[in-house]
Amino acid sequence: MSKILANILYALIWVISLLPLPVLYLFSDIVWLIMFICPPLRYRHKIVRKNLELSFPDKDKRWLRRTERQFYYQFACQVMEGLKNASASPRWIMRHMEITGYEKVREEAAKGQSQIFYLGHTGNWEWISSLNLYFNDMEKAAGCQVYHKLENETMDLLMLKLRSRFGTQSIPMEHVMRRLVEFRRDGKVFLVGMIADQVPMWWNIHYWTEFMNRKTPVFTGSERISRKMDTGVWYLHVTRKRRGYYRCDMQLMYNHTADLPEFAVTEKYMRMLEENIRECPYLWLWTHNRWKRTWEGYQRWLAKHPTADRKHLLEEN
């Protein structure tokens, strides 16, 4: 039944996606105008406002409100752009999501070294799945992305269908290591994208850092994989050229990671992500409750779980 519902939803989205992007933007403009007139109708309004205020304590109220409005305008546009993804041709998507720096990635992959791409919820991250179009002619390369399964099976199947349109393989987070080992065993290099700016569960917190003016727990699984397999690591720096047109610059972080100090990759990623956000604040996903796990809450959790690993606390790093 979930598969049937997912296919029906996909068919409906596909029909809507046939509309020209300017027409889809007309709908997003109407939605944004309604949210502008009535702020309580804005999705997760309190979280967005709190996140902006705590991330930019040096900014005045006028700047914060303007950025908030810009964010919701961009958010409404991205919803329509996500729908367009259902029928977009490779030529269309490559024109609207410009990728730079991929030539160096191809060179390293041709030498047999796998690569990991770090990205955040900045700009249109859904369109970055088109990155695989730049590598799908490489016989020994497997383009893939790591994702967190949605609780709703129908929506999970729908998102997988949308995100795999350009040949990218989607790997559940809990199976990623096993799948990458299989690629290596089969003589393939993997080119895998990981969105690493989400919030880890209490038991999966191994590292804290200062991020956007607050102590922040971060995922370190991507780094553990890259160090174990000695991959190259890249940051995907996303900017918006104009509405409907983005640029993704593939910026090399490290050629090899096996001998790096622990958390060096994670720390560099967080600094590059922070710079990306500060460069254009409204492009980041402020609706995400990124700081719901606080340092104080973590201390209380540790007190209730005395056998938990205390090795990687902030003060010791």
C-alpha atoms as a PDB file:
ATOM      1  CA  MET A   1       0.000   0.000   0.000  1.00  0.00           C
ATOM      2  CA  SER A   2       2.858   2.413   0.811  1.00  0.00           C
ATOM      3  CA  LYS A   3       4.386   1.770  -2.617  1.00  0.00           C
ATOM      4  CA  ILE A   4       1.060   2.398  -4.328  1.00  0.00           C
ATOM      5  CA  LEU A   5       0.528   5.663  -2.432  1.00  0.00           C
ATOM      6  CA  ALA A   6       4.100   6.763  -3.133  1.00  0.00           C
ATOM      7  CA  ASN A   7       3.647   6.116  -6.856  1.00  0.00           C
ATOM      8  CA  ILE A   8       0.350   8.025  -6.899  1.00  0.00           C
ATOM      9  CA  LEU A   9       1.944  10.989  -5.129  1.00  0.00           C
ATOM     10  CA  TYR A  10       4.906  10.886  -7.477  1.00  0.00           C
ATOM     11  CA  ALA A  11       2.582  10.901 -10.492  1.00  0.00           C
ATOM     12  CA  LEU A  12       0.755  13.960  -9.117  1.00  0.00           C
ATOM     13  CA  ILE A  13       4.031  15.761  -8.417  1.00  0.00           C
ATOM     14  CA  TRP A  14       5.294  14.848 -11.893  1.00  0.00           C
ATOM     15  CA  VAL A  15       2.232  16.427 -13.521  1.00  0.00           C
ATOM     16  CA  ILE A  16       2.626  19.598 -11.433  1.00  0.00           C
ATOM     17  CA  SER A  17       6.361  19.690 -12.210  1.00  0.00           C
ATOM     18  CA  LEU A  18       5.608  20.031 -15.929  1.00  0.00           C
ATOM     19  CA  LEU A  19       4.556  23.618 -15.262  1.00  0.00           C
ATOM     20  CA  PRO A  20       7.260  26.181 -16.102  1.00  0.00           C
ATOM     21  CA  LEU A  21       9.313  27.255 -13.100  1.00  0.00           C
ATOM     22  CA  PRO A  22       8.020  30.881 -13.242  1.00  0.00           C
ATOM     23  CA  VAL A  23       4.468  29.540 -12.887  1.00  0.00           C
ATOM     24  CA  LEU A  24       5.486  27.406  -9.903  1.00  0.00           C
ATOM     25  CA  TYR A  25       7.140  30.474  -8.379  1.00  0.00           C
ATOM     26  CA  LEU A  26       3.813  32.292  -8.683  1.00  0.00           C
ATOM     27  CA  PHE A  27       2.388  29.777  -6.188  1.00  0.00           C
ATOM     28  CA  SER A  28       5.401  30.180  -3.891  1.00  0.00           C
ATOM     29  CA  ASP A  29       5.000  33.972  -4.010  1.00  0.00           C
ATOM     30  CA  ILE A  30       1.373  33.648  -2.933  1.00  0.00           C
ATOM     31  CA  VAL A  31       2.317  31.333  -0.057  1.00  0.00           C
ATOM     32  CA  TRP A  32       5.118  33.685   1.015  1.00  0.00           C
ATOM     33  CA  LEU A  33       2.799  36.702   0.854  1.00  0.00           C
ATOM     34  CA  ILE A  34       0.325  34.953   3.148  1.00  0.00           C
ATOM     35  CA  MET A  35       3.135  34.124   5.588  1.00  0.00           C
ATOM     36  CA  PHE A  36       4.409  37.708   5.363  1.00  0.00           C
ATOM     37  CA  ILE A  37       1.007  39.140   6.231  1.00  0.00           C
ATOM     38  CA  CYS A  38       0.392  36.578   9.007  1.00  0.00           C
ATOM     39  CA  PRO A  39       3.653  35.518  10.728  1.00  0.00           C
ATOM     40  CA  PRO A  40       1.952  32.826  12.911  1.00  0.00           C
ATOM     41  CA  LEU A  41       1.279  30.876   9.705  1.00  0.00           C
ATOM     42  CA  ARG A  42       5.012  30.589   9.048  1.00  0.00           C
ATOM     43  CA  TYR A  43       6.278  27.030   9.407  1.00  0.00           C
ATOM     44  CA  ARG A  44       8.113  26.596  12.748  1.00  0.00           C
ATOM     45  CA  HIS A  45       8.132  30.339  13.201  1.00  0.00           C
ATOM     46  CA  LYS A  46       9.299  30.312  16.832  1.00  0.00           C
ATOM     47  CA  ILE A  47      12.229  27.995  16.079  1.00  0.00           C
ATOM     48  CA  VAL A  48      13.361  30.106  13.112  1.00  0.00           C
ATOM     49  CA  ARG A  49      13.236  33.337  15.087  1.00  0.00           C
ATOM     50  CA  LYS A  50      15.040  31.848  18.084  1.00  0.00           C
ATOM     51  CA  ASN A  51      17.746  30.284  15.897  1.00  0.00           C
ATOM     52  CA  LEU A  52      18.425  33.561  14.090  1.00  0.00           C
ATOM     53  CA  GLU A  53      18.483  35.642  17.283  1.00  0.00           C
ATOM     54  CA  LEU A  54      20.921  33.314  19.067  1.00  0.00           C
ATOM     55  CA  SER A  55      23.121  32.796  15.994  1.00  0.00           C
ATOM     56  CA  PHE A  56      23.467  36.517  15.284  1.00  0.00           C
ATOM     57  CA  PRO A  57      23.427  38.279  18.681  1.00  0.00           C
ATOM     58  CA  ASP A  58      25.275  41.260  17.171  1.00  0.00           C
ATOM     59  CA  LYS A  59      22.534  42.001  14.642  1.00  0.00           C
ATOM     60  CA  ASP A  60      19.698  44.416  15.310  1.00  0.00           C
ATOM     61  CA  LYS A  61      16.015  43.530  15.198  1.00  0.00           C
ATOM     62  CA  ARG A  62      15.553  45.059  11.749  1.00  0.00           C
ATOM     63  CA  TRP A  63      18.252  42.832  10.224  1.00  0.00           C
ATOM     64  CA  LEU A  64      16.882  39.738  11.958  1.00  0.00           C
ATOM     65  CA  ARG A  65      13.329  40.308  10.717  1.00  0.00           C
ATOM     66  CA  ARG A  66      14.515  41.018   7.185  1.00  0.00           C
ATOM     67  CA  THR A  67      16.603  37.821   7.162  1.00  0.00           C
ATOM     68  CA  GLU A  68      13.651  35.879   8.520  1.00  0.00           C
ATOM     69  CA  ARG A  69      11.437  37.120   5.678  1.00  0.00           C
ATOM     70  CA  GLN A  70      14.164  36.348   3.126  1.00  0.00           C
ATOM     71  CA  PHE A  71      14.497  32.850   4.532  1.00  0.00           C
ATOM     72  CA  TYR A  72      10.767  32.106   4.215  1.00  0.00           C
ATOM     73  CA  TYR A  73      10.780  33.495   0.672  1.00  0.00           C
ATOM     74  CA  GLN A  74      13.666  31.162  -0.218  1.00  0.00           C
ATOM     75  CA  PHE A  75      11.992  28.274   1.619  1.00  0.00           C
ATOM     76  CA  ALA A  76       8.772  28.687  -0.375  1.00  0.00           C
ATOM     77  CA  CYS A  77      10.795  28.787  -3.611  1.00  0.00           C
ATOM     78  CA  GLN A  78      12.641  25.599  -2.689  1.00  0.00           C
ATOM     79  CA  VAL A  79       9.390  23.722  -2.156  1.00  0.00           C
ATOM     80  CA  MET A  80       8.421  24.509  -5.760  1.00  0.00           C
ATOM     81  CA  GLU A  81      11.932  23.695  -6.984  1.00  0.00           C
ATOM     82  CA  GLY A  82      11.690  20.347  -5.232  1.00  0.00           C
ATOM     83  CA  LEU A  83       8.538  19.584  -7.197  1.00  0.00           C
ATOM     84  CA  LYS A  84      10.277  20.548 -10.440  1.00  0.00           C
ATOM     85  CA  ASN A  85      12.879  17.894  -9.692  1.00  0.00           C
ATOM     86  CA  ALA A  86      10.363  15.179 -10.652  1.00  0.00           C
ATOM     87  CA  SER A  87      10.500  15.914 -14.376  1.00  0.00           C
ATOM     88  CA  ALA A  88      13.654  18.000 -14.809  1.00  0.00           C
ATOM     89  CA  SER A  89      15.949  16.742 -17.558  1.00  0.00           C
ATOM     90  CA  PRO A  90      19.693  16.322 -16.952  1.00  0.00           C
ATOM     91  CA  ARG A  91      20.381  19.291 -19.231  1.00  0.00           C
ATOM     92  CA  TRP A  92      17.885  21.461 -17.326  1.00  0.00           C
ATOM     93  CA  ILE A  93      19.165  20.553 -13.873  1.00  0.00           C
ATOM     94  CA  MET A  94      22.812  21.074 -14.881  1.00  0.00           C
ATOM     95  CA  ARG A  95      21.908  24.561 -16.078  1.00  0.00           C
ATOM     96  CA  HIS A  96      20.098  25.445 -12.860  1.00  0.00           C
ATOM     97  CA  MET A  97      22.604  23.805 -10.468  1.00  0.00           C
ATOM     98  CA  GLU A  98      26.088  24.695 -11.685  1.00  0.00           C
ATOM     99  CA  ILE A  99      28.799  22.399 -10.283  1.00  0.00           C
ATOM    100  CA  THR A 100      32.426  23.547 -10.234  1.00  0.00           C
ATOM    101  CA  GLY A 101      35.583  21.720  -9.149  1.00  0.00           C
ATOM    102  CA  TYR A 102      34.390  18.277 -10.190  1.00  0.00           C
ATOM    103  CA  GLU A 103      37.329  17.809 -12.596  1.00  0.00           C
ATOM    104  CA  LYS A 104      39.741  17.309  -9.687  1.00  0.00           C
ATOM    105  CA  VAL A 105      37.353  14.801  -8.115  1.00  0.00           C
ATOM    106  CA  ARG A 106      37.308  12.834 -11.361  1.00  0.00           C
ATOM    107  CA  GLU A 107      41.119  12.803 -11.423  1.00  0.00           C
ATOM    108  CA  GLU A 108      41.347  11.404  -7.896  1.00  0.00           C
ATOM    109  CA  ALA A 109      38.592   8.852  -8.507  1.00  0.00           C
ATOM    110  CA  ALA A 110      40.364   7.704 -11.676  1.00  0.00           C
ATOM    111  CA  LYS A 111      43.420   6.973  -9.506  1.00  0.00           C
ATOM    112  CA  GLY A 112      41.271   4.661  -7.375  1.00  0.00           C
ATOM    113  CA  GLN A 113      40.666   6.899  -4.367  1.00  0.00           C
ATOM    114  CA  SER A 114      37.136   7.218  -3.025  1.00  0.00           C
ATOM    115  CA  GLN A 115      35.770  10.634  -2.081  1.00  0.00           C
ATOM    116  CA  ILE A 116      33.324  11.902   0.534  1.00  0.00           C
ATOM    117  CA  PHE A 117      31.359  15.097  -0.002  1.00  0.00           C
ATOM    118  CA  TYR A 118      30.235  17.084   3.047  1.00  0.00           C
ATOM    119  CA  LEU A 119      27.281  19.388   2.574  1.00  0.00           C
ATOM    120  CA  GLY A 120      24.714  21.164   4.681  1.00  0.00           C
ATOM    121  CA  HIS A 121      21.085  22.171   4.294  1.00  0.00           C
ATOM    122  CA  THR A 122      22.207  25.252   2.375  1.00  0.00           C
ATOM    123  CA  GLY A 123      20.639  26.399  -0.870  1.00  0.00           C
ATOM    124  CA  ASN A 124      18.825  23.745  -2.867  1.00  0.00           C
ATOM    125  CA  TRP A 125      20.406  20.563  -1.498  1.00  0.00           C
ATOM    126  CA  GLU A 126      17.842  18.412  -3.324  1.00  0.00           C
ATOM    127  CA  TRP A 127      19.236  19.491  -6.686  1.00  0.00           C
ATOM    128  CA  ILE A 128      22.761  18.513  -5.623  1.00  0.00           C
ATOM    129  CA  SER A 129      21.783  14.904  -6.334  1.00  0.00           C
ATOM    130  CA  SER A 130      22.475  15.931  -9.938  1.00  0.00           C
ATOM    131  CA  LEU A 131      26.176  15.794  -9.021  1.00  0.00           C
ATOM    132  CA  ASN A 132      26.173  12.172 -10.134  1.00  0.00           C
ATOM    133  CA  LEU A 133      25.642  13.337 -13.735  1.00  0.00           C
ATOM    134  CA  TYR A 134      29.271  14.478 -13.766  1.00  0.00           C
ATOM    135  CA  PHE A 135      30.549  11.008 -12.845  1.00  0.00           C
ATOM    136  CA  ASN A 136      28.076   8.462 -14.216  1.00  0.00           C
ATOM    137  CA  ASP A 137      30.274   7.800 -17.241  1.00  0.00           C
ATOM    138  CA  MET A 138      33.006   6.436 -14.950  1.00  0.00           C
ATOM    139  CA  GLU A 139      32.599   2.667 -15.007  1.00  0.00           C
ATOM    140  CA  LYS A 140      34.355   1.996 -11.690  1.00  0.00           C
ATOM    141  CA  ALA A 141      32.714   4.846  -9.731  1.00  0.00           C
ATOM    142  CA  ALA A 142      29.548   4.519  -7.629  1.00  0.00           C
ATOM    143  CA  GLY A 143      27.706   7.766  -6.916  1.00  0.00           C
ATOM    144  CA  CYS A 144      25.641   7.590  -3.737  1.00  0.00           C
ATOM    145  CA  GLN A 145      24.164   9.588  -0.898  1.00  0.00           C
ATOM    146  CA  VAL A 146      23.528   8.752   2.736  1.00  0.00           C
ATOM    147  CA  TYR A 147      20.037   9.434   4.045  1.00  0.00           C
ATOM    148  CA  HIS A 148      18.062   9.083   7.248  1.00  0.00           C
ATOM    149  CA  LYS A 149      14.918   6.994   6.735  1.00  0.00           C
ATOM    150  CA  LEU A 150      11.649   8.840   7.295  1.00  0.00           C
ATOM    151  CA  GLU A 151       9.184   7.352   9.766  1.00  0.00           C
ATOM    152  CA  ASN A 152       6.374   7.559   7.235  1.00  0.00           C
ATOM    153  CA  GLU A 153       7.057   4.763   4.754  1.00  0.00           C
ATOM    154  CA  THR A 154       5.081   6.387   1.943  1.00  0.00           C
ATOM    155  CA  MET A 155       7.006   9.667   2.197  1.00  0.00           C
ATOM    156  CA  ASP A 156      10.267   7.758   2.525  1.00  0.00           C
ATOM    157  CA  LEU A 157       9.625   5.894  -0.727  1.00  0.00           C
ATOM    158  CA  LEU A 158       8.545   9.110  -2.443  1.00  0.00           C
ATOM    159  CA  MET A 159      11.710  10.985  -1.433  1.00  0.00           C
ATOM    160  CA  LEU A 160      13.899   8.068  -2.515  1.00  0.00           C
ATOM    161  CA  LYS A 161      12.241   8.103  -5.932  1.00  0.00           C
ATOM    162  CA  LEU A 162      12.799  11.849  -6.329  1.00  0.00           C
ATOM    163  CA  ARG A 163      16.401  11.753  -5.129  1.00  0.00           C
ATOM    164  CA  SER A 164      17.451   8.859  -7.344  1.00  0.00           C
ATOM    165  CA  ARG A 165      16.325  10.361 -10.645  1.00  0.00           C
ATOM    166  CA  PHE A 166      19.863  11.058 -11.837  1.00  0.00           C
ATOM    167  CA  GLY A 167      21.271   7.646 -10.965  1.00  0.00           C
ATOM    168  CA  THR A 168      22.402   8.381  -7.423  1.00  0.00           C
ATOM    169  CA  GLN A 169      22.168   5.423  -5.030  1.00  0.00           C
ATOM    170  CA  SER A 170      20.587   6.214  -1.661  1.00  0.00           C
ATOM    171  CA  ILE A 171      22.049   4.343   1.314  1.00  0.00           C
ATOM    172  CA  PRO A 172      20.317   4.257   4.729  1.00  0.00           C
ATOM    173  CA  MET A 173      22.525   5.700   7.452  1.00  0.00           C
ATOM    174  CA  GLU A 174      22.624   2.440   9.394  1.00  0.00           C
ATOM    175  CA  HIS A 175      23.896   0.480   6.367  1.00  0.00           C
ATOM    176  CA  VAL A 176      26.431   2.931   4.979  1.00  0.00           C
ATOM    177  CA  MET A 177      29.643   1.296   6.208  1.00  0.00           C
ATOM    178  CA  ARG A 178      28.655  -2.140   4.979  1.00  0.00           C
ATOM    179  CA  ARG A 179      27.676  -0.776   1.564  1.00  0.00           C
ATOM    180  CA  LEU A 180      30.911   1.160   1.095  1.00  0.00           C
ATOM    181  CA  VAL A 181      32.954  -1.893   2.025  1.00  0.00           C
ATOM    182  CA  GLU A 182      31.030  -3.800  -0.649  1.00  0.00           C
ATOM    183  CA  PHE A 183      31.917  -1.148  -3.234  1.00  0.00           C
ATOM    184  CA  ARG A 184      35.586  -1.439  -2.351  1.00  0.00           C
ATOM    185  CA  ARG A 185      35.458  -5.233  -2.427  1.00  0.00           C
ATOM    186  CA  ASP A 186      33.938  -5.041  -5.923  1.00  0.00           C
ATOM    187  CA  GLY A 187      36.802  -2.843  -7.121  1.00  0.00           C
ATOM    188  CA  LYS A 188      34.771   0.359  -7.221  1.00  0.00           C
ATOM    189  CA  VAL A 189      35.479   3.797  -5.817  1.00  0.00           C
ATOM    190  CA  PHE A 190      32.586   5.468  -4.068  1.00  0.00           C
ATOM    191  CA  LEU A 191      31.628   9.115  -4.375  1.00  0.00           C
ATOM    192  CA  VAL A 192      29.278   9.684  -1.478  1.00  0.00           C
ATOM    193  CA  GLY A 193      27.463  12.788  -0.289  1.00  0.00           C
ATOM    194  CA  MET A 194      26.646  13.224   3.390  1.00  0.00           C
ATOM    195  CA  ILE A 195      24.542  16.003   4.924  1.00  0.00           C
ATOM    196  CA  ALA A 196      26.226  16.321   8.295  1.00  0.00           C
ATOM    197  CA  ASP A 197      24.596  19.403   9.869  1.00  0.00           C
ATOM    198  CA  GLN A 198      21.801  17.516  11.612  1.00  0.00           C
ATOM    199  CA  VAL A 199      21.550  16.843  15.335  1.00  0.00           C
ATOM    200  CA  PRO A 200      22.778  13.474  16.693  1.00  0.00           C
ATOM    201  CA  MET A 201      20.951  11.450  19.332  1.00  0.00           C
ATOM    202  CA  TRP A 202      22.268  11.622  22.911  1.00  0.00           C
ATOM    203  CA  TRP A 203      24.054   8.270  22.688  1.00  0.00           C
ATOM    204  CA  ASN A 204      25.654   9.205  19.379  1.00  0.00           C
ATOM    205  CA  ILE A 205      27.303  12.416  20.571  1.00  0.00           C
ATOM    206  CA  HIS A 206      31.093  12.143  20.534  1.00  0.00           C
ATOM    207  CA  TYR A 207      32.157  15.713  19.852  1.00  0.00           C
ATOM    208  CA  TRP A 208      31.041  19.255  20.660  1.00  0.00           C
ATOM    209  CA  THR A 209      32.189  22.448  18.989  1.00  0.00           C
ATOM    210  CA  GLU A 210      31.325  26.136  18.840  1.00  0.00           C
ATOM    211  CA  PHE A 211      28.972  26.656  15.907  1.00  0.00           C
ATOM    212  CA  MET A 212      26.940  29.781  15.181  1.00  0.00           C
ATOM    213  CA  ASN A 213      27.625  31.177  18.630  1.00  0.00           C
ATOM    214  CA  ARG A 214      26.617  28.056  20.586  1.00  0.00           C
ATOM    215  CA  LYS A 215      28.018  24.769  21.863  1.00  0.00           C
ATOM    216  CA  THR A 216      26.829  22.268  19.320  1.00  0.00           C
ATOM    217  CA  PRO A 217      26.947  18.452  19.121  1.00  0.00           C
ATOM    218  CA  VAL A 218      27.943  17.169  15.696  1.00  0.00           C
ATOM    219  CA  PHE A 219      27.879  13.909  13.776  1.00  0.00           C
ATOM    220  CA  THR A 220      31.305  12.290  13.490  1.00  0.00           C
ATOM    221  CA  GLY A 221      30.358   9.152  11.573  1.00  0.00           C
ATOM    222  CA  SER A 222      31.373  10.648   8.224  1.00  0.00           C
ATOM    223  CA  GLU A 223      34.829  11.391   9.573  1.00  0.00           C
ATOM    224  CA  ARG A 224      35.236   7.901  11.026  1.00  0.00           C
ATOM    225  CA  ILE A 225      34.407   6.422   7.634  1.00  0.00           C
ATOM    226  CA  SER A 226      36.763   8.746   5.763  1.00  0.00           C
ATOM    227  CA  ARG A 227      39.643   8.071   8.177  1.00  0.00           C
ATOM    228  CA  LYS A 228      39.139   4.307   8.121  1.00  0.00           C
ATOM    229  CA  MET A 229      39.070   4.233   4.318  1.00  0.00           C
ATOM    230  CA  ASP A 230      41.536   7.098   3.798  1.00  0.00           C
ATOM    231  CA  THR A 231      39.289   8.982   1.397  1.00  0.00           C
ATOM    232  CA  GLY A 232      39.523  12.484   0.067  1.00  0.00           C
ATOM    233  CA  VAL A 233      37.001  14.864   1.644  1.00  0.00           C
ATOM    234  CA  TRP A 234      35.313  17.860   0.050  1.00  0.00           C
ATOM    235  CA  TYR A 235      32.993  20.608   1.199  1.00  0.00           C
ATOM    236  CA  LEU A 236      30.176  21.553  -1.171  1.00  0.00           C
ATOM    237  CA  HIS A 237      29.860  25.324  -0.891  1.00  0.00           C
ATOM    238  CA  VAL A 238      26.456  26.392  -2.206  1.00  0.00           C
ATOM    239  CA  THR A 239      25.457  29.903  -3.255  1.00  0.00           C
ATOM    240  CA  ARG A 240      22.457  31.282  -5.114  1.00  0.00           C
ATOM    241  CA  LYS A 241      23.127  33.243  -8.281  1.00  0.00           C
ATOM    242  CA  ARG A 242      19.478  34.252  -8.661  1.00  0.00           C
ATOM    243  CA  ARG A 243      16.112  32.654  -8.073  1.00  0.00           C
ATOM    244  CA  GLY A 244      16.176  29.153  -9.500  1.00  0.00           C
ATOM    245  CA  TYR A 245      19.906  29.160 -10.219  1.00  0.00           C
ATOM    246  CA  TYR A 246      22.538  27.879  -7.804  1.00  0.00           C
ATOM    247  CA  ARG A 247      26.247  27.247  -7.808  1.00  0.00           C
ATOM    248  CA  CYS A 248      27.954  24.409  -5.947  1.00  0.00           C
ATOM    249  CA  ASP A 249      31.729  24.777  -5.560  1.00  0.00           C
ATOM    250  CA  MET A 250      33.484  21.533  -4.636  1.00  0.00           C
ATOM    251  CA  GLN A 251      36.201  22.680  -2.226  1.00  0.00           C
ATOM    252  CA  LEU A 252      38.911  20.227  -1.214  1.00  0.00           C
ATOM    253  CA  MET A 253      39.319  19.822   2.540  1.00  0.00           C
ATOM    254  CA  TYR A 254      41.904  16.998   2.638  1.00  0.00           C
ATOM    255  CA  ASN A 255      43.395  14.655   0.027  1.00  0.00           C
ATOM    256  CA  HIS A 256      43.956  11.913   2.625  1.00  0.00           C
ATOM    257  CA  THR A 257      42.462  11.540   6.088  1.00  0.00           C
ATOM    258  CA  ALA A 258      43.902   8.373   7.652  1.00  0.00           C
ATOM    259  CA  ASP A 259      46.700  10.175   9.520  1.00  0.00           C
ATOM    260  CA  LEU A 260      44.820  13.308  10.524  1.00  0.00           C
ATOM    261  CA  PRO A 261      44.153  14.153  14.190  1.00  0.00           C
ATOM    262  CA  GLU A 262      40.807  12.954  15.466  1.00  0.00           C
ATOM    263  CA  PHE A 263      37.938  15.347  14.660  1.00  0.00           C
ATOM    264  CA  ALA A 264      40.106  17.472  12.331  1.00  0.00           C
ATOM    265  CA  VAL A 265      37.783  16.773   9.403  1.00  0.00           C
ATOM    266  CA  THR A 266      34.638  17.432  11.443  1.00  0.00           C
ATOM    267  CA  GLU A 267      36.012  20.692  12.802  1.00  0.00           C
ATOM    268  CA  LYS A 268      37.049  21.945   9.375  1.00  0.00           C
ATOM    269  CA  TYR A 269      33.646  21.045   7.946  1.00  0.00           C
ATOM    270  CA  MET A 270      31.856  22.976  10.682  1.00  0.00           C
ATOM    271  CA  ARG A 271      34.033  26.041  10.086  1.00  0.00           C
ATOM    272  CA  MET A 272      33.405  25.939   6.332  1.00  0.00           C
ATOM    273  CA  LEU A 273      29.676  25.429   6.847  1.00  0.00           C
ATOM    274  CA  GLU A 274      29.560  28.343   9.275  1.00  0.00           C
ATOM    275  CA  GLU A 275      31.334  30.575   6.770  1.00  0.00           C
ATOM    276  CA  ASN A 276      28.871  29.482   4.076  1.00  0.00           C
ATOM    277  CA  ILE A 277      25.920  30.356   6.333  1.00  0.00           C
ATOM    278  CA  ARG A 278      27.274  33.747   7.375  1.00  0.00           C
ATOM    279  CA  GLU A 279      27.946  34.594   3.743  1.00  0.00           C
ATOM    280  CA  CYS A 280      24.225  34.259   2.932  1.00  0.00           C
ATOM    281  CA  PRO A 281      22.168  33.498   6.073  1.00  0.00           C
ATOM    282  CA  TYR A 282      18.774  33.024   4.447  1.00  0.00           C
ATOM    283  CA  LEU A 283      19.980  30.030   2.409  1.00  0.00           C
ATOM    284  CA  TRP A 284      20.330  27.737   5.442  1.00  0.00           C
ATOM    285  CA  LEU A 285      17.450  25.649   6.829  1.00  0.00           C
ATOM    286  CA  TRP A 286      16.587  27.599   9.981  1.00  0.00           C
ATOM    287  CA  THR A 287      13.389  25.594  10.562  1.00  0.00           C
ATOM    288  CA  HIS A 288      15.500  22.666  11.744  1.00  0.00           C
ATOM    289  CA  ASN A 289      15.674  22.511  15.551  1.00  0.00           C
ATOM    290  CA  ARG A 290      19.462  22.163  15.361  1.00  0.00           C
ATOM    291  CA  TRP A 291      20.207  23.055  18.992  1.00  0.00           C
ATOM    292  CA  LYS A 292      17.544  21.036  20.790  1.00  0.00           C
ATOM    293  CA  ARG A 293      20.321  18.989  22.452  1.00  0.00           C
ATOM    294  CA  THR A 294      22.126  21.406  24.742  1.00  0.00           C
ATOM    295  CA  TRP A 295      25.386  21.003  26.642  1.00  0.00           C
ATOM    296  CA  GLU A 296      23.476  21.210  29.925  1.00  0.00           C
ATOM    297  CA  GLY A 297      21.020  18.575  28.743  1.00  0.00           C
ATOM    298  CA  TYR A 298      23.921  16.355  27.751  1.00  0.00           C
ATOM    299  CA  GLN A 299      25.401  16.627  31.243  1.00  0.00           C
ATOM    300  CA  ARG A 300      22.063  15.532  32.711  1.00  0.00           C
ATOM    301  CA  TRP A 301      21.904  12.627  30.250  1.00  0.00           C
ATOM    302  CA  LEU A 302      25.413  11.521  31.208  1.00  0.00           C
ATOM    303  CA  ALA A 303      24.468  11.631  34.888  1.00  0.00           C
ATOM    304  CA  LYS A 304      21.633   9.195  34.162  1.00  0.00           C
ATOM    305  CA  HIS A 305      23.907   6.985  32.026  1.00  0.00           C
ATOM    306  CA  PRO A 306      27.166   6.689  33.994  1.00  0.00           C
ATOM    307  CA  THR A 307      28.524   3.956  31.729  1.00  0.00           C
ATOM    308  CA  ALA A 308      28.382   6.175  28.619  1.00  0.00           C
ATOM    309  CA  ASP A 309      31.645   7.014  26.873  1.00  0.00           C
ATOM    310  CA  ARG A 310      32.913  10.311  28.333  1.00  0.00           C
ATOM    311  CA  LYS A 311      36.065  10.431  26.241  1.00  0.00           C
ATOM    312  CA  HIS A 312      35.032  13.029  23.712  1.00  0.00           C
ATOM    313  CA  LEU A 313      33.693  15.911  25.790  1.00  0.00           C
ATOM    314  CA  LEU A 314      34.261  19.505  24.741  1.00  0.00           C
ATOM    315  CA  GLU A 315      36.756  20.403  27.467  1.00  0.00           C
ATOM    316  CA  GLU A 316      39.029  17.506  26.527  1.00  0.00           C
ATOM    317  CA  ASN A 317      39.221  18.625  22.876  1.00  0.00           C
END
